[in-house]
Amino acid sequence: MSQYLVLIYEDENAYAAASQEVMGAVYQDHVTFQEIAGAALQGGNALQPTPTATSIRANDNGDFTVTDAPFGEAKEALGGYYLLEAPDLDAAIALAKKVPARFGGVEVRPIMVFE
């Protein structure tokens, strides 16, 4: 079995404007996904909005620049992730298609294994 990270990218403005009813439905969609994923689900979390992000970059001289902002500005931001275990990429993609992303989409990335 291999592990895959499913990155959830969505429009944060849509969440900011969403009603309590919509937010409740989104929450329930994630609960349902977790039930569907079962033992394949190895972990996951929602992230705070991008204004809470801090970016750190190393300079050529070995110092660091710390910025109160995400690395890039985009319409869709990384809002959370799930770590899945699946026999292959096709199985991971099939499960990732069930990840709720009402205001965006998901990206599937294999976890690199160092031996």
PDB file of N, CA and C in Angstrom:
ATOM      1  N   MET A   1       0.844  -1.185   0.000  1.00  0.00           N
ATOM      2  CA  MET A   1       0.000   0.000   0.000  1.00  0.00           C
ATOM      3  C   MET A   1       0.884   1.241   0.000  1.00  0.00           C
ATOM      4  N   SER A   2       0.410   2.254  -0.668  1.00  0.00           N
ATOM      5  CA  SER A   2       1.113   3.534  -0.731  1.00  0.00           C
ATOM      6  C   SER A   2       0.265   4.608  -0.067  1.00  0.00           C
ATOM      7  N   GLN A   3       0.909   5.712   0.269  1.00  0.00           N
ATOM      8  CA  GLN A   3       0.181   6.827   0.854  1.00  0.00           C
ATOM      9  C   GLN A   3       0.104   7.973  -0.138  1.00  0.00           C
ATOM     10  N   TYR A   4      -1.002   8.703  -0.082  1.00  0.00           N
ATOM     11  CA  TYR A   4      -1.267   9.831  -0.962  1.00  0.00           C
ATOM     12  C   TYR A   4      -1.829  10.974  -0.141  1.00  0.00           C
ATOM     13  N   LEU A   5      -1.368  12.173  -0.438  1.00  0.00           N
ATOM     14  CA  LEU A   5      -1.914  13.351   0.214  1.00  0.00           C
ATOM     15  C   LEU A   5      -2.913  13.991  -0.737  1.00  0.00           C
ATOM     16  N   VAL A   6      -4.119  14.181  -0.252  1.00  0.00           N
ATOM     17  CA  VAL A   6      -5.156  14.851  -1.029  1.00  0.00           C
ATOM     18  C   VAL A   6      -5.248  16.276  -0.486  1.00  0.00           C
ATOM     19  N   LEU A   7      -4.828  17.235  -1.305  1.00  0.00           N
ATOM     20  CA  LEU A   7      -4.829  18.645  -0.934  1.00  0.00           C
ATOM     21  C   LEU A   7      -6.131  19.268  -1.409  1.00  0.00           C
ATOM     22  N   ILE A   8      -6.808  19.955  -0.512  1.00  0.00           N
ATOM     23  CA  ILE A   8      -8.112  20.540  -0.827  1.00  0.00           C
ATOM     24  C   ILE A   8      -7.925  22.039  -1.054  1.00  0.00           C
ATOM     25  N   TYR A   9      -8.157  22.472  -2.290  1.00  0.00           N
ATOM     26  CA  TYR A   9      -8.048  23.885  -2.648  1.00  0.00           C
ATOM     27  C   TYR A   9      -9.438  24.431  -2.915  1.00  0.00           C
ATOM     28  N   GLU A  10      -9.793  25.507  -2.207  1.00  0.00           N
ATOM     29  CA  GLU A  10     -11.118  26.088  -2.387  1.00  0.00           C
ATOM     30  C   GLU A  10     -11.056  27.608  -2.268  1.00  0.00           C
ATOM     31  N   ASP A  11     -12.118  28.241  -2.706  1.00  0.00           N
ATOM     32  CA  ASP A  11     -12.252  29.697  -2.642  1.00  0.00           C
ATOM     33  C   ASP A  11     -12.646  30.094  -1.228  1.00  0.00           C
ATOM     34  N   GLU A  12     -11.710  30.734  -0.506  1.00  0.00           N
ATOM     35  CA  GLU A  12     -11.992  31.127   0.876  1.00  0.00           C
ATOM     36  C   GLU A  12     -13.125  32.139   0.979  1.00  0.00           C
ATOM     37  N   ASN A  13     -13.289  32.977  -0.038  1.00  0.00           N
ATOM     38  CA  ASN A  13     -14.365  33.971  -0.011  1.00  0.00           C
ATOM     39  C   ASN A  13     -15.739  33.303   0.009  1.00  0.00           C
ATOM     40  N   ALA A  14     -15.850  32.169  -0.665  1.00  0.00           N
ATOM     41  CA  ALA A  14     -17.122  31.445  -0.668  1.00  0.00           C
ATOM     42  C   ALA A  14     -17.447  30.942   0.737  1.00  0.00           C
ATOM     43  N   TYR A  15     -16.424  30.504   1.459  1.00  0.00           N
ATOM     44  CA  TYR A  15     -16.660  30.065   2.846  1.00  0.00           C
ATOM     45  C   TYR A  15     -17.019  31.247   3.732  1.00  0.00           C
ATOM     46  N   ALA A  16     -16.350  32.372   3.536  1.00  0.00           N
ATOM     47  CA  ALA A  16     -16.623  33.559   4.353  1.00  0.00           C
ATOM     48  C   ALA A  16     -18.068  34.030   4.167  1.00  0.00           C
ATOM     49  N   ALA A  17     -18.605  33.835   2.964  1.00  0.00           N
ATOM     50  CA  ALA A  17     -19.961  34.289   2.657  1.00  0.00           C
ATOM     51  C   ALA A  17     -21.025  33.216   2.911  1.00  0.00           C
ATOM     52  N   ALA A  18     -20.592  32.005   3.233  1.00  0.00           N
ATOM     53  CA  ALA A  18     -21.536  30.888   3.375  1.00  0.00           C
ATOM     54  C   ALA A  18     -22.393  31.027   4.631  1.00  0.00           C
ATOM     55  N   SER A  19     -23.620  30.596   4.510  1.00  0.00           N
ATOM     56  CA  SER A  19     -24.542  30.600   5.651  1.00  0.00           C
ATOM     57  C   SER A  19     -24.182  29.472   6.619  1.00  0.00           C
ATOM     58  N   GLN A  20     -24.768  29.530   7.802  1.00  0.00           N
ATOM     59  CA  GLN A  20     -24.580  28.457   8.784  1.00  0.00           C
ATOM     60  C   GLN A  20     -25.089  27.131   8.228  1.00  0.00           C
ATOM     61  N   GLU A  21     -26.157  27.207   7.446  1.00  0.00           N
ATOM     62  CA  GLU A  21     -26.717  26.000   6.849  1.00  0.00           C
ATOM     63  C   GLU A  21     -25.723  25.361   5.876  1.00  0.00           C
ATOM     64  N   VAL A  22     -25.104  26.177   5.035  1.00  0.00           N
ATOM     65  CA  VAL A  22     -24.109  25.669   4.085  1.00  0.00           C
ATOM     66  C   VAL A  22     -22.909  25.103   4.840  1.00  0.00           C
ATOM     67  N   MET A  23     -22.432  25.812   5.861  1.00  0.00           N
ATOM     68  CA  MET A  23     -21.283  25.334   6.631  1.00  0.00           C
ATOM     69  C   MET A  23     -21.604  24.011   7.327  1.00  0.00           C
ATOM     70  N   GLY A  24     -22.824  23.869   7.810  1.00  0.00           N
ATOM     71  CA  GLY A  24     -23.235  22.612   8.417  1.00  0.00           C
ATOM     72  C   GLY A  24     -23.238  21.474   7.409  1.00  0.00           C
ATOM     73  N   ALA A  25     -23.692  21.769   6.191  1.00  0.00           N
ATOM     74  CA  ALA A  25     -23.704  20.758   5.133  1.00  0.00           C
ATOM     75  C   ALA A  25     -22.280  20.372   4.732  1.00  0.00           C
ATOM     76  N   VAL A  26     -21.392  21.352   4.654  1.00  0.00           N
ATOM     77  CA  VAL A  26     -19.984  21.075   4.324  1.00  0.00           C
ATOM     78  C   VAL A  26     -19.379  20.167   5.396  1.00  0.00           C
ATOM     79  N   TYR A  27     -19.620  20.502   6.650  1.00  0.00           N
ATOM     80  CA  TYR A  27     -19.115  19.685   7.749  1.00  0.00           C
ATOM     81  C   TYR A  27     -19.635  18.252   7.632  1.00  0.00           C
ATOM     82  N   GLN A  28     -20.928  18.111   7.396  1.00  0.00           N
ATOM     83  CA  GLN A  28     -21.520  16.779   7.270  1.00  0.00           C
ATOM     84  C   GLN A  28     -20.937  16.031   6.077  1.00  0.00           C
ATOM     85  N   ASP A  29     -20.670  16.744   4.974  1.00  0.00           N
ATOM     86  CA  ASP A  29     -20.048  16.102   3.806  1.00  0.00           C
ATOM     87  C   ASP A  29     -18.687  15.508   4.174  1.00  0.00           C
ATOM     88  N   HIS A  30     -17.930  16.205   5.012  1.00  0.00           N
ATOM     89  CA  HIS A  30     -16.620  15.690   5.424  1.00  0.00           C
ATOM     90  C   HIS A  30     -16.769  14.494   6.369  1.00  0.00           C
ATOM     91  N   VAL A  31     -17.740  14.533   7.243  1.00  0.00           N
ATOM     92  CA  VAL A  31     -18.008  13.389   8.119  1.00  0.00           C
ATOM     93  C   VAL A  31     -18.361  12.171   7.264  1.00  0.00           C
ATOM     94  N   THR A  32     -19.207  12.384   6.269  1.00  0.00           N
ATOM     95  CA  THR A  32     -19.603  11.295   5.370  1.00  0.00           C
ATOM     96  C   THR A  32     -18.406  10.756   4.606  1.00  0.00           C
ATOM     97  N   PHE A  33     -17.544  11.653   4.097  1.00  0.00           N
ATOM     98  CA  PHE A  33     -16.349  11.192   3.389  1.00  0.00           C
ATOM     99  C   PHE A  33     -15.481  10.336   4.309  1.00  0.00           C
ATOM    100  N   GLN A  34     -15.299  10.769   5.530  1.00  0.00           N
ATOM    101  CA  GLN A  34     -14.459  10.018   6.473  1.00  0.00           C
ATOM    102  C   GLN A  34     -15.029   8.626   6.720  1.00  0.00           C
ATOM    103  N   GLU A  35     -16.346   8.519   6.756  1.00  0.00           N
ATOM    104  CA  GLU A  35     -16.987   7.214   6.913  1.00  0.00           C
ATOM    105  C   GLU A  35     -16.762   6.353   5.674  1.00  0.00           C
ATOM    106  N   ILE A  36     -16.876   6.952   4.492  1.00  0.00           N
ATOM    107  CA  ILE A  36     -16.661   6.225   3.236  1.00  0.00           C
ATOM    108  C   ILE A  36     -15.217   5.756   3.133  1.00  0.00           C
ATOM    109  N   ALA A  37     -14.273   6.621   3.491  1.00  0.00           N
ATOM    110  CA  ALA A  37     -12.847   6.310   3.366  1.00  0.00           C
ATOM    111  C   ALA A  37     -12.433   5.195   4.321  1.00  0.00           C
ATOM    112  N   GLY A  38     -13.047   5.136   5.479  1.00  0.00           N
ATOM    113  CA  GLY A  38     -12.749   4.070   6.432  1.00  0.00           C
ATOM    114  C   GLY A  38     -11.270   3.978   6.768  1.00  0.00           C
ATOM    115  N   ALA A  39     -10.734   2.753   6.701  1.00  0.00           N
ATOM    116  CA  ALA A  39      -9.344   2.505   7.080  1.00  0.00           C
ATOM    117  C   ALA A  39      -8.341   3.146   6.123  1.00  0.00           C
ATOM    118  N   ALA A  40      -8.776   3.534   4.933  1.00  0.00           N
ATOM    119  CA  ALA A  40      -7.864   4.205   3.991  1.00  0.00           C
ATOM    120  C   ALA A  40      -7.471   5.586   4.488  1.00  0.00           C
ATOM    121  N   LEU A  41      -8.304   6.177   5.330  1.00  0.00           N
ATOM    122  CA  LEU A  41      -8.034   7.511   5.856  1.00  0.00           C
ATOM    123  C   LEU A  41      -7.019   7.403   6.985  1.00  0.00           C
ATOM    124  N   GLN A  42      -5.841   7.986   6.768  1.00  0.00           N
ATOM    125  CA  GLN A  42      -4.754   7.922   7.739  1.00  0.00           C
ATOM    126  C   GLN A  42      -4.635   9.194   8.571  1.00  0.00           C
ATOM    127  N   GLY A  43      -5.297  10.266   8.128  1.00  0.00           N
ATOM    128  CA  GLY A  43      -5.253  11.522   8.861  1.00  0.00           C
ATOM    129  C   GLY A  43      -5.776  12.645   8.004  1.00  0.00           C
ATOM    130  N   GLY A  44      -5.861  13.815   8.582  1.00  0.00           N
ATOM    131  CA  GLY A  44      -6.310  14.985   7.837  1.00  0.00           C
ATOM    132  C   GLY A  44      -6.658  16.104   8.783  1.00  0.00           C
ATOM    133  N   ASN A  45      -6.673  17.305   8.246  1.00  0.00           N
ATOM    134  CA  ASN A  45      -7.014  18.487   9.026  1.00  0.00           C
ATOM    135  C   ASN A  45      -7.499  19.595   8.109  1.00  0.00           C
ATOM    136  N   ALA A  46      -8.310  20.466   8.678  1.00  0.00           N
ATOM    137  CA  ALA A  46      -8.651  21.723   8.018  1.00  0.00           C
ATOM    138  C   ALA A  46      -7.607  22.744   8.462  1.00  0.00           C
ATOM    139  N   LEU A  47      -7.344  23.711   7.617  1.00  0.00           N
ATOM    140  CA  LEU A  47      -6.369  24.754   7.929  1.00  0.00           C
ATOM    141  C   LEU A  47      -7.076  26.075   8.192  1.00  0.00           C
ATOM    142  N   GLN A  48      -6.479  26.901   9.024  1.00  0.00           N
ATOM    143  CA  GLN A  48      -6.981  28.254   9.238  1.00  0.00           C
ATOM    144  C   GLN A  48      -6.869  29.021   7.917  1.00  0.00           C
ATOM    145  N   PRO A  49      -7.636  30.098   7.718  1.00  0.00           N
ATOM    146  CA  PRO A  49      -7.588  30.869   6.469  1.00  0.00           C
ATOM    147  C   PRO A  49      -6.190  31.441   6.175  1.00  0.00           C
ATOM    148  N   THR A  50      -5.958  31.743   4.915  1.00  0.00           N
ATOM    149  CA  THR A  50      -4.629  32.201   4.479  1.00  0.00           C
ATOM    150  C   THR A  50      -4.120  33.455   5.199  1.00  0.00           C
ATOM    151  N   PRO A  51      -4.970  34.379   5.675  1.00  0.00           N
ATOM    152  CA  PRO A  51      -4.400  35.515   6.405  1.00  0.00           C
ATOM    153  C   PRO A  51      -3.626  35.115   7.669  1.00  0.00           C
ATOM    154  N   THR A  52      -3.810  33.885   8.140  1.00  0.00           N
ATOM    155  CA  THR A  52      -3.068  33.423   9.317  1.00  0.00           C
ATOM    156  C   THR A  52      -1.731  32.788   8.946  1.00  0.00           C
ATOM    157  N   ALA A  53      -1.452  32.649   7.652  1.00  0.00           N
ATOM    158  CA  ALA A  53      -0.234  31.971   7.199  1.00  0.00           C
ATOM    159  C   ALA A  53       1.012  32.824   7.434  1.00  0.00           C
ATOM    160  N   THR A  54       2.110  32.148   7.699  1.00  0.00           N
ATOM    161  CA  THR A  54       3.416  32.781   7.793  1.00  0.00           C
ATOM    162  C   THR A  54       4.343  32.037   6.849  1.00  0.00           C
ATOM    163  N   SER A  55       4.982  32.757   5.929  1.00  0.00           N
ATOM    164  CA  SER A  55       5.894  32.156   4.961  1.00  0.00           C
ATOM    165  C   SER A  55       7.333  32.429   5.392  1.00  0.00           C
ATOM    166  N   ILE A  56       8.181  31.432   5.240  1.00  0.00           N
ATOM    167  CA  ILE A  56       9.585  31.551   5.609  1.00  0.00           C
ATOM    168  C   ILE A  56      10.417  31.133   4.406  1.00  0.00           C
ATOM    169  N   ARG A  57      11.327  32.016   3.994  1.00  0.00           N
ATOM    170  CA  ARG A  57      12.212  31.723   2.865  1.00  0.00           C
ATOM    171  C   ARG A  57      13.645  32.003   3.270  1.00  0.00           C
ATOM    172  N   ALA A  58      14.537  31.094   2.873  1.00  0.00           N
ATOM    173  CA  ALA A  58      15.958  31.301   3.126  1.00  0.00           C
ATOM    174  C   ALA A  58      16.527  32.237   2.069  1.00  0.00           C
ATOM    175  N   ASN A  59      17.374  33.160   2.500  1.00  0.00           N
ATOM    176  CA  ASN A  59      18.072  34.060   1.588  1.00  0.00           C
ATOM    177  C   ASN A  59      19.379  33.412   1.154  1.00  0.00           C
ATOM    178  N   ASP A  60      20.027  33.991   0.138  1.00  0.00           N
ATOM    179  CA  ASP A  60      21.308  33.467  -0.349  1.00  0.00           C
ATOM    180  C   ASP A  60      22.389  33.500   0.727  1.00  0.00           C
ATOM    181  N   ASN A  61      22.316  34.432   1.658  1.00  0.00           N
ATOM    182  CA  ASN A  61      23.342  34.558   2.688  1.00  0.00           C
ATOM    183  C   ASN A  61      23.054  33.704   3.928  1.00  0.00           C
ATOM    184  N   GLY A  62      22.030  32.875   3.885  1.00  0.00           N
ATOM    185  CA  GLY A  62      21.722  31.985   5.003  1.00  0.00           C
ATOM    186  C   GLY A  62      20.746  32.555   6.008  1.00  0.00           C
ATOM    187  N   ASP A  63      20.350  33.810   5.826  1.00  0.00           N
ATOM    188  CA  ASP A  63      19.338  34.399   6.697  1.00  0.00           C
ATOM    189  C   ASP A  63      17.950  33.993   6.190  1.00  0.00           C
ATOM    190  N   PHE A  64      16.952  34.348   6.967  1.00  0.00           N
ATOM    191  CA  PHE A  64      15.590  34.002   6.591  1.00  0.00           C
ATOM    192  C   PHE A  64      14.725  35.245   6.530  1.00  0.00           C
ATOM    193  N   THR A  65      13.790  35.235   5.596  1.00  0.00           N
ATOM    194  CA  THR A  65      12.770  36.267   5.517  1.00  0.00           C
ATOM    195  C   THR A  65      11.456  35.637   5.980  1.00  0.00           C
ATOM    196  N   VAL A  66      10.838  36.247   6.970  1.00  0.00           N
ATOM    197  CA  VAL A  66       9.572  35.760   7.504  1.00  0.00           C
ATOM    198  C   VAL A  66       8.500  36.775   7.133  1.00  0.00           C
ATOM    199  N   THR A  67       7.453  36.306   6.452  1.00  0.00           N
ATOM    200  CA  THR A  67       6.395  37.178   5.952  1.00  0.00           C
ATOM    201  C   THR A  67       5.046  36.684   6.453  1.00  0.00           C
ATOM    202  N   ASP A  68       4.240  37.616   6.936  1.00  0.00           N
ATOM    203  CA  ASP A  68       2.882  37.271   7.367  1.00  0.00           C
ATOM    204  C   ASP A  68       1.965  37.201   6.149  1.00  0.00           C
ATOM    205  N   ALA A  69       2.038  36.095   5.440  1.00  0.00           N
ATOM    206  CA  ALA A  69       1.214  35.885   4.245  1.00  0.00           C
ATOM    207  C   ALA A  69       1.532  34.506   3.680  1.00  0.00           C
ATOM    208  N   PRO A  70       0.623  33.950   2.891  1.00  0.00           N
ATOM    209  CA  PRO A  70       0.928  32.678   2.224  1.00  0.00           C
ATOM    210  C   PRO A  70       1.972  32.898   1.134  1.00  0.00           C
ATOM    211  N   PHE A  71       2.544  31.821   0.607  1.00  0.00           N
ATOM    212  CA  PHE A  71       3.547  31.926  -0.444  1.00  0.00           C
ATOM    213  C   PHE A  71       3.013  32.628  -1.689  1.00  0.00           C
ATOM    214  N   GLY A  72       1.811  32.309  -2.082  1.00  0.00           N
ATOM    215  CA  GLY A  72       1.261  32.888  -3.307  1.00  0.00           C
ATOM    216  C   GLY A  72      -0.166  33.332  -3.118  1.00  0.00           C
ATOM    217  N   GLU A  73      -0.558  34.297  -3.894  1.00  0.00           N
ATOM    218  CA  GLU A  73      -1.947  34.755  -3.908  1.00  0.00           C
ATOM    219  C   GLU A  73      -2.666  34.008  -5.025  1.00  0.00           C
ATOM    220  N   ALA A  74      -3.799  33.434  -4.704  1.00  0.00           N
ATOM    221  CA  ALA A  74      -4.564  32.691  -5.695  1.00  0.00           C
ATOM    222  C   ALA A  74      -6.036  32.744  -5.315  1.00  0.00           C
ATOM    223  N   LYS A  75      -6.875  32.530  -6.298  1.00  0.00           N
ATOM    224  CA  LYS A  75      -8.315  32.500  -6.021  1.00  0.00           C
ATOM    225  C   LYS A  75      -8.656  31.354  -5.082  1.00  0.00           C
ATOM    226  N   GLU A  76      -8.038  30.202  -5.319  1.00  0.00           N
ATOM    227  CA  GLU A  76      -8.267  29.050  -4.463  1.00  0.00           C
ATOM    228  C   GLU A  76      -7.042  28.833  -3.587  1.00  0.00           C
ATOM    229  N   ALA A  77      -7.278  28.593  -2.307  1.00  0.00           N
ATOM    230  CA  ALA A  77      -6.198  28.426  -1.346  1.00  0.00           C
ATOM    231  C   ALA A  77      -6.250  27.025  -0.737  1.00  0.00           C
ATOM    232  N   LEU A  78      -5.110  26.557  -0.272  1.00  0.00           N
ATOM    233  CA  LEU A  78      -5.051  25.282   0.417  1.00  0.00           C
ATOM    234  C   LEU A  78      -5.817  25.415   1.726  1.00  0.00           C
ATOM    235  N   GLY A  79      -6.902  24.663   1.843  1.00  0.00           N
ATOM    236  CA  GLY A  79      -7.762  24.783   3.010  1.00  0.00           C
ATOM    237  C   GLY A  79      -7.721  23.583   3.930  1.00  0.00           C
ATOM    238  N   GLY A  80      -7.129  22.494   3.461  1.00  0.00           N
ATOM    239  CA  GLY A  80      -7.053  21.298   4.278  1.00  0.00           C
ATOM    240  C   GLY A  80      -6.500  20.145   3.471  1.00  0.00           C
ATOM    241  N   TYR A  81      -6.416  18.994   4.123  1.00  0.00           N
ATOM    242  CA  TYR A  81      -5.846  17.829   3.454  1.00  0.00           C
ATOM    243  C   TYR A  81      -6.349  16.548   4.116  1.00  0.00           C
ATOM    244  N   TYR A  82      -6.238  15.478   3.361  1.00  0.00           N
ATOM    245  CA  TYR A  82      -6.442  14.132   3.887  1.00  0.00           C
ATOM    246  C   TYR A  82      -5.241  13.291   3.484  1.00  0.00           C
ATOM    247  N   LEU A  83      -4.781  12.448   4.371  1.00  0.00           N
ATOM    248  CA  LEU A  83      -3.745  11.477   4.073  1.00  0.00           C
ATOM    249  C   LEU A  83      -4.432  10.133   3.884  1.00  0.00           C
ATOM    250  N   LEU A  84      -4.276   9.566   2.695  1.00  0.00           N
ATOM    251  CA  LEU A  84      -4.934   8.310   2.358  1.00  0.00           C
ATOM    252  C   LEU A  84      -3.917   7.207   2.121  1.00  0.00           C
ATOM    253  N   GLU A  85      -4.330   5.986   2.372  1.00  0.00           N
ATOM    254  CA  GLU A  85      -3.542   4.817   2.008  1.00  0.00           C
ATOM    255  C   GLU A  85      -4.343   4.061   0.963  1.00  0.00           C
ATOM    256  N   ALA A  86      -3.677   3.742  -0.149  1.00  0.00           N
ATOM    257  CA  ALA A  86      -4.372   3.067  -1.246  1.00  0.00           C
ATOM    258  C   ALA A  86      -3.381   2.155  -1.973  1.00  0.00           C
ATOM    259  N   PRO A  87      -3.895   1.145  -2.656  1.00  0.00           N
ATOM    260  CA  PRO A  87      -3.000   0.219  -3.354  1.00  0.00           C
ATOM    261  C   PRO A  87      -2.266   0.850  -4.537  1.00  0.00           C
ATOM    262  N   ASP A  88      -2.863   1.879  -5.143  1.00  0.00           N
ATOM    263  CA  ASP A  88      -2.212   2.533  -6.283  1.00  0.00           C
ATOM    264  C   ASP A  88      -2.862   3.901  -6.521  1.00  0.00           C
ATOM    265  N   LEU A  89      -2.297   4.654  -7.463  1.00  0.00           N
ATOM    266  CA  LEU A  89      -2.797   5.995  -7.745  1.00  0.00           C
ATOM    267  C   LEU A  89      -4.243   5.978  -8.209  1.00  0.00           C
ATOM    268  N   ASP A  90      -4.611   5.003  -9.026  1.00  0.00           N
ATOM    269  CA  ASP A  90      -5.991   4.943  -9.507  1.00  0.00           C
ATOM    270  C   ASP A  90      -6.985   4.804  -8.349  1.00  0.00           C
ATOM    271  N   ALA A  91      -6.656   3.992  -7.361  1.00  0.00           N
ATOM    272  CA  ALA A  91      -7.530   3.827  -6.201  1.00  0.00           C
ATOM    273  C   ALA A  91      -7.571   5.111  -5.375  1.00  0.00           C
ATOM    274  N   ALA A  92      -6.421   5.788  -5.255  1.00  0.00           N
ATOM    275  CA  ALA A  92      -6.380   7.055  -4.519  1.00  0.00           C
ATOM    276  C   ALA A  92      -7.229   8.111  -5.218  1.00  0.00           C
ATOM    277  N   ILE A  93      -7.143   8.162  -6.531  1.00  0.00           N
ATOM    278  CA  ILE A  93      -7.945   9.126  -7.301  1.00  0.00           C
ATOM    279  C   ILE A  93      -9.437   8.827  -7.145  1.00  0.00           C
ATOM    280  N   ALA A  94      -9.797   7.556  -7.202  1.00  0.00           N
ATOM    281  CA  ALA A  94     -11.211   7.183  -7.050  1.00  0.00           C
ATOM    282  C   ALA A  94     -11.747   7.654  -5.702  1.00  0.00           C
ATOM    283  N   LEU A  95     -10.952   7.507  -4.651  1.00  0.00           N
ATOM    284  CA  LEU A  95     -11.387   7.952  -3.327  1.00  0.00           C
ATOM    285  C   LEU A  95     -11.357   9.477  -3.239  1.00  0.00           C
ATOM    286  N   ALA A  96     -10.345  10.108  -3.833  1.00  0.00           N
ATOM    287  CA  ALA A  96     -10.231  11.573  -3.798  1.00  0.00           C
ATOM    288  C   ALA A  96     -11.403  12.250  -4.505  1.00  0.00           C
ATOM    289  N   LYS A  97     -11.997  11.593  -5.466  1.00  0.00           N
ATOM    290  CA  LYS A  97     -13.165  12.151  -6.149  1.00  0.00           C
ATOM    291  C   LYS A  97     -14.343  12.320  -5.196  1.00  0.00           C
ATOM    292  N   LYS A  98     -14.300  11.646  -4.061  1.00  0.00           N
ATOM    293  CA  LYS A  98     -15.380  11.729  -3.082  1.00  0.00           C
ATOM    294  C   LYS A  98     -15.101  12.771  -1.992  1.00  0.00           C
ATOM    295  N   VAL A  99     -13.909  13.379  -2.020  1.00  0.00           N
ATOM    296  CA  VAL A  99     -13.571  14.406  -1.027  1.00  0.00           C
ATOM    297  C   VAL A  99     -14.416  15.647  -1.301  1.00  0.00           C
ATOM    298  N   PRO A 100     -15.121  16.154  -0.298  1.00  0.00           N
ATOM    299  CA  PRO A 100     -15.929  17.352  -0.514  1.00  0.00           C
ATOM    300  C   PRO A 100     -15.040  18.557  -0.815  1.00  0.00           C
ATOM    301  N   ALA A 101     -15.327  19.233  -1.905  1.00  0.00           N
ATOM    302  CA  ALA A 101     -14.630  20.466  -2.273  1.00  0.00           C
ATOM    303  C   ALA A 101     -15.647  21.352  -2.979  1.00  0.00           C
ATOM    304  N   ARG A 102     -16.667  21.748  -2.258  1.00  0.00           N
ATOM    305  CA  ARG A 102     -17.808  22.490  -2.782  1.00  0.00           C
ATOM    306  C   ARG A 102     -17.393  23.749  -3.533  1.00  0.00           C
ATOM    307  N   PHE A 103     -16.339  24.414  -3.070  1.00  0.00           N
ATOM    308  CA  PHE A 103     -15.933  25.690  -3.660  1.00  0.00           C
ATOM    309  C   PHE A 103     -14.591  25.598  -4.377  1.00  0.00           C
ATOM    310  N   GLY A 104     -14.222  24.412  -4.850  1.00  0.00           N
ATOM    311  CA  GLY A 104     -12.934  24.272  -5.533  1.00  0.00           C
ATOM    312  C   GLY A 104     -12.695  22.855  -5.993  1.00  0.00           C
ATOM    313  N   GLY A 105     -11.513  22.328  -5.721  1.00  0.00           N
ATOM    314  CA  GLY A 105     -11.153  20.984  -6.153  1.00  0.00           C
ATOM    315  C   GLY A 105     -10.036  20.423  -5.286  1.00  0.00           C
ATOM    316  N   VAL A 106      -9.571  19.246  -5.660  1.00  0.00           N
ATOM    317  CA  VAL A 106      -8.517  18.585  -4.898  1.00  0.00           C
ATOM    318  C   VAL A 106      -7.356  18.219  -5.810  1.00  0.00           C
ATOM    319  N   GLU A 107      -6.213  18.020  -5.178  1.00  0.00           N
ATOM    320  CA  GLU A 107      -4.999  17.565  -5.864  1.00  0.00           C
ATOM    321  C   GLU A 107      -4.509  16.328  -5.123  1.00  0.00           C
ATOM    322  N   VAL A 108      -4.115  15.293  -5.848  1.00  0.00           N
ATOM    323  CA  VAL A 108      -3.607  14.067  -5.244  1.00  0.00           C
ATOM    324  C   VAL A 108      -2.108  13.995  -5.497  1.00  0.00           C
ATOM    325  N   ARG A 109      -1.334  13.814  -4.423  1.00  0.00           N
ATOM    326  CA  ARG A 109       0.130  13.714  -4.544  1.00  0.00           C
ATOM    327  C   ARG A 109       0.619  12.483  -3.800  1.00  0.00           C
ATOM    328  N   PRO A 110       1.400  11.629  -4.482  1.00  0.00           N
ATOM    329  CA  PRO A 110       1.974  10.476  -3.781  1.00  0.00           C
ATOM    330  C   PRO A 110       2.985  10.938  -2.741  1.00  0.00           C
ATOM    331  N   ILE A 111       3.025  10.246  -1.624  1.00  0.00           N
ATOM    332  CA  ILE A 111       4.009  10.523  -0.585  1.00  0.00           C
ATOM    333  C   ILE A 111       5.320   9.865  -1.012  1.00  0.00           C
ATOM    334  N   MET A 112       6.407  10.612  -0.953  1.00  0.00           N
ATOM    335  CA  MET A 112       7.711  10.088  -1.323  1.00  0.00           C
ATOM    336  C   MET A 112       8.252   9.256  -0.172  1.00  0.00           C
ATOM    337  N   VAL A 113       8.747   8.073  -0.504  1.00  0.00           N
ATOM    338  CA  VAL A 113       9.299   7.179   0.488  1.00  0.00           C
ATOM    339  C   VAL A 113      10.817   7.149   0.316  1.00  0.00           C
ATOM    340  N   PHE A 114      11.527   7.403   1.407  1.00  0.00           N
ATOM    341  CA  PHE A 114      12.991   7.358   1.394  1.00  0.00           C
ATOM    342  C   PHE A 114      13.423   6.074   2.082  1.00  0.00           C
ATOM    343  N   GLU A 115      14.244   5.307   1.400  1.00  0.00           N
ATOM    344  CA  GLU A 115      14.703   4.048   1.999  1.00  0.00           C
ATOM    345  C   GLU A 115      16.198   4.009   2.062  1.00  0.00           C
TER     346      GLU A 115
END
